[in-house]
Amino acid sequence: IHTPRTHIEQINLANNVTTNTTIGPLPGVPDAKTFWAEVVGTGAVSCTVKIWGSRKSTYAAATVVLLSTLAPSGTTEAVDAAAVSLATYPYYFVTTETITGTGATVRAEVFY
């Protein structure tokens, strides 16, 4: 018999990112999960965060699968989240791109 969980777990995938970068490998999580991204700064802020899954612990274009593209955009603070994913991979990688806004920082998490 499966006992439902009574709380949500979260893993911080990226924190205080200010440049285009690749982060990982990060531990994958089983079951249903939601990927979430936030950008915070002064004035207009935006970024692109891509979440990748892989069975290998090294990032290479030929061995990763794009799971989600998040694009938070707004004034001072913005968030974006993906629909629930059931895909299970041993490793995640996060890439950040096109971070804009004065003092903009990016954070990404997975909730499961």
C-alpha atoms as a PDB file:
ATOM      1  CA  ILE A   1       0.000   0.000   0.000  1.00  0.00           C
ATOM      2  CA  HIS A   2       1.324   3.403  -0.973  1.00  0.00           C
ATOM      3  CA  THR A   3       1.202   6.043   1.742  1.00  0.00           C
ATOM      4  CA  PRO A   4       0.879   9.540   0.258  1.00  0.00           C
ATOM      5  CA  ARG A   5       3.419  12.098   1.377  1.00  0.00           C
ATOM      6  CA  THR A   6       2.158  14.891   3.573  1.00  0.00           C
ATOM      7  CA  HIS A   7       4.619  17.556   2.435  1.00  0.00           C
ATOM      8  CA  ILE A   8       6.457  18.796  -0.637  1.00  0.00           C
ATOM      9  CA  GLU A   9      10.207  18.303  -0.997  1.00  0.00           C
ATOM     10  CA  GLN A  10      12.393  20.720  -2.917  1.00  0.00           C
ATOM     11  CA  ILE A  11      15.904  20.760  -4.321  1.00  0.00           C
ATOM     12  CA  ASN A  12      17.710  23.987  -5.142  1.00  0.00           C
ATOM     13  CA  LEU A  13      19.094  23.494  -8.655  1.00  0.00           C
ATOM     14  CA  ALA A  14      20.635  26.951  -9.111  1.00  0.00           C
ATOM     15  CA  ASN A  15      20.984  29.959  -6.815  1.00  0.00           C
ATOM     16  CA  ASN A  16      22.221  33.543  -7.309  1.00  0.00           C
ATOM     17  CA  VAL A  17      23.248  32.891 -10.929  1.00  0.00           C
ATOM     18  CA  THR A  18      24.207  36.084 -12.778  1.00  0.00           C
ATOM     19  CA  THR A  19      25.763  34.777 -16.020  1.00  0.00           C
ATOM     20  CA  ASN A  20      25.059  32.277 -18.774  1.00  0.00           C
ATOM     21  CA  THR A  21      26.231  28.975 -17.336  1.00  0.00           C
ATOM     22  CA  THR A  22      25.682  25.222 -17.061  1.00  0.00           C
ATOM     23  CA  ILE A  23      25.139  23.765 -13.592  1.00  0.00           C
ATOM     24  CA  GLY A  24      25.303  20.082 -12.731  1.00  0.00           C
ATOM     25  CA  PRO A  25      25.205  17.232 -12.449  1.00  0.00           C
ATOM     26  CA  LEU A  26      22.406  17.446  -9.912  1.00  0.00           C
ATOM     27  CA  PRO A  27      20.509  14.473  -8.475  1.00  0.00           C
ATOM     28  CA  GLY A  28      17.360  13.468 -10.334  1.00  0.00           C
ATOM     29  CA  VAL A  29      14.152  12.794  -8.426  1.00  0.00           C
ATOM     30  CA  PRO A  30      11.509  10.119  -9.054  1.00  0.00           C
ATOM     31  CA  ASP A  31       7.772  10.522  -9.402  1.00  0.00           C
ATOM     32  CA  ALA A  32       5.891  13.681 -10.313  1.00  0.00           C
ATOM     33  CA  LYS A  33       7.851  16.909 -10.142  1.00  0.00           C
ATOM     34  CA  THR A  34       7.564  20.584 -11.108  1.00  0.00           C
ATOM     35  CA  PHE A  35      10.465  22.746 -12.256  1.00  0.00           C
ATOM     36  CA  TRP A  36      10.406  26.401 -11.161  1.00  0.00           C
ATOM     37  CA  ALA A  37      12.579  29.440 -11.936  1.00  0.00           C
ATOM     38  CA  GLU A  38      12.797  32.988 -10.598  1.00  0.00           C
ATOM     39  CA  VAL A  39      14.653  36.109 -11.675  1.00  0.00           C
ATOM     40  CA  VAL A  40      15.053  39.079  -9.310  1.00  0.00           C
ATOM     41  CA  GLY A  41      16.672  42.449  -9.983  1.00  0.00           C
ATOM     42  CA  THR A  42      15.927  46.124 -10.510  1.00  0.00           C
ATOM     43  CA  GLY A  43      13.539  47.260 -13.229  1.00  0.00           C
ATOM     44  CA  ALA A  44      12.743  44.960 -16.137  1.00  0.00           C
ATOM     45  CA  VAL A  45      14.167  41.467 -15.531  1.00  0.00           C
ATOM     46  CA  SER A  46      14.145  38.279 -17.585  1.00  0.00           C
ATOM     47  CA  CYS A  47      16.056  35.097 -18.273  1.00  0.00           C
ATOM     48  CA  THR A  48      15.825  31.685 -19.867  1.00  0.00           C
ATOM     49  CA  VAL A  49      16.378  28.594 -17.750  1.00  0.00           C
ATOM     50  CA  LYS A  50      16.528  25.165 -19.351  1.00  0.00           C
ATOM     51  CA  ILE A  51      16.296  21.946 -17.372  1.00  0.00           C
ATOM     52  CA  TRP A  52      17.971  18.919 -18.933  1.00  0.00           C
ATOM     53  CA  GLY A  53      17.811  15.235 -17.972  1.00  0.00           C
ATOM     54  CA  SER A  54      20.590  12.717 -18.539  1.00  0.00           C
ATOM     55  CA  ARG A  55      21.586   9.174 -17.660  1.00  0.00           C
ATOM     56  CA  LYS A  56      25.208  10.359 -17.622  1.00  0.00           C
ATOM     57  CA  SER A  57      26.864  12.601 -15.068  1.00  0.00           C
ATOM     58  CA  THR A  58      28.599  14.744 -17.708  1.00  0.00           C
ATOM     59  CA  TYR A  59      26.858  17.370 -19.831  1.00  0.00           C
ATOM     60  CA  ALA A  60      27.081  16.838 -23.584  1.00  0.00           C
ATOM     61  CA  ALA A  61      24.563  17.870 -26.239  1.00  0.00           C
ATOM     62  CA  ALA A  62      24.335  14.274 -27.483  1.00  0.00           C
ATOM     63  CA  THR A  63      23.494  12.813 -24.055  1.00  0.00           C
ATOM     64  CA  VAL A  64      21.000  15.247 -22.515  1.00  0.00           C
ATOM     65  CA  VAL A  65      17.258  15.625 -23.097  1.00  0.00           C
ATOM     66  CA  LEU A  66      15.502  18.979 -22.725  1.00  0.00           C
ATOM     67  CA  LEU A  67      12.809  18.577 -20.063  1.00  0.00           C
ATOM     68  CA  SER A  68      11.674  22.180 -19.677  1.00  0.00           C
ATOM     69  CA  THR A  69      12.314  25.736 -20.836  1.00  0.00           C
ATOM     70  CA  LEU A  70      11.359  28.400 -18.301  1.00  0.00           C
ATOM     71  CA  ALA A  71      11.286  32.103 -19.185  1.00  0.00           C
ATOM     72  CA  PRO A  72      10.403  34.333 -16.238  1.00  0.00           C
ATOM     73  CA  SER A  73      10.032  37.977 -17.258  1.00  0.00           C
ATOM     74  CA  GLY A  74       8.627  40.975 -15.417  1.00  0.00           C
ATOM     75  CA  THR A  75       9.415  43.993 -13.283  1.00  0.00           C
ATOM     76  CA  THR A  76      11.743  43.516 -10.275  1.00  0.00           C
ATOM     77  CA  GLU A  77      10.755  39.851  -9.757  1.00  0.00           C
ATOM     78  CA  ALA A  78       9.286  37.172 -12.010  1.00  0.00           C
ATOM     79  CA  VAL A  79       8.681  33.430 -11.840  1.00  0.00           C
ATOM     80  CA  ASP A  80       7.836  30.656 -14.273  1.00  0.00           C
ATOM     81  CA  ALA A  81       7.062  26.986 -13.723  1.00  0.00           C
ATOM     82  CA  ALA A  82       6.635  23.923 -15.891  1.00  0.00           C
ATOM     83  CA  ALA A  83       3.703  21.561 -15.916  1.00  0.00           C
ATOM     84  CA  VAL A  84       4.202  18.389 -13.924  1.00  0.00           C
ATOM     85  CA  SER A  85       6.870  16.073 -15.353  1.00  0.00           C
ATOM     86  CA  LEU A  86       6.878  12.315 -14.815  1.00  0.00           C
ATOM     87  CA  ALA A  87      10.209  11.807 -16.617  1.00  0.00           C
ATOM     88  CA  THR A  88      12.805  10.232 -14.345  1.00  0.00           C
ATOM     89  CA  TYR A  89      16.521  10.741 -14.988  1.00  0.00           C
ATOM     90  CA  PRO A  90      19.497  10.015 -12.730  1.00  0.00           C
ATOM     91  CA  TYR A  91      20.890  13.513 -13.336  1.00  0.00           C
ATOM     92  CA  TYR A  92      19.689  17.036 -14.086  1.00  0.00           C
ATOM     93  CA  PHE A  93      21.611  19.909 -15.605  1.00  0.00           C
ATOM     94  CA  VAL A  94      20.497  23.548 -15.619  1.00  0.00           C
ATOM     95  CA  THR A  95      21.526  26.081 -18.233  1.00  0.00           C
ATOM     96  CA  THR A  96      20.898  29.802 -17.833  1.00  0.00           C
ATOM     97  CA  GLU A  97      20.773  32.190 -20.770  1.00  0.00           C
ATOM     98  CA  THR A  98      19.941  35.809 -21.603  1.00  0.00           C
ATOM     99  CA  ILE A  99      19.818  37.114 -18.032  1.00  0.00           C
ATOM    100  CA  THR A 100      18.770  40.756 -18.205  1.00  0.00           C
ATOM    101  CA  GLY A 101      18.072  43.466 -15.643  1.00  0.00           C
ATOM    102  CA  THR A 102      20.181  45.513 -13.268  1.00  0.00           C
ATOM    103  CA  GLY A 103      21.642  43.187 -10.643  1.00  0.00           C
ATOM    104  CA  ALA A 104      19.528  40.288 -11.925  1.00  0.00           C
ATOM    105  CA  THR A 105      19.994  36.921 -10.220  1.00  0.00           C
ATOM    106  CA  VAL A 106      18.407  33.609 -11.164  1.00  0.00           C
ATOM    107  CA  ARG A 107      17.218  30.734  -8.994  1.00  0.00           C
ATOM    108  CA  ALA A 108      15.830  27.356 -10.097  1.00  0.00           C
ATOM    109  CA  GLU A 109      14.267  24.581  -8.035  1.00  0.00           C
ATOM    110  CA  VAL A 110      12.456  21.284  -8.450  1.00  0.00           C
ATOM    111  CA  PHE A 111       9.455  20.486  -6.244  1.00  0.00           C
ATOM    112  CA  TYR A 112       8.364  16.875  -5.770  1.00  0.00           C
END
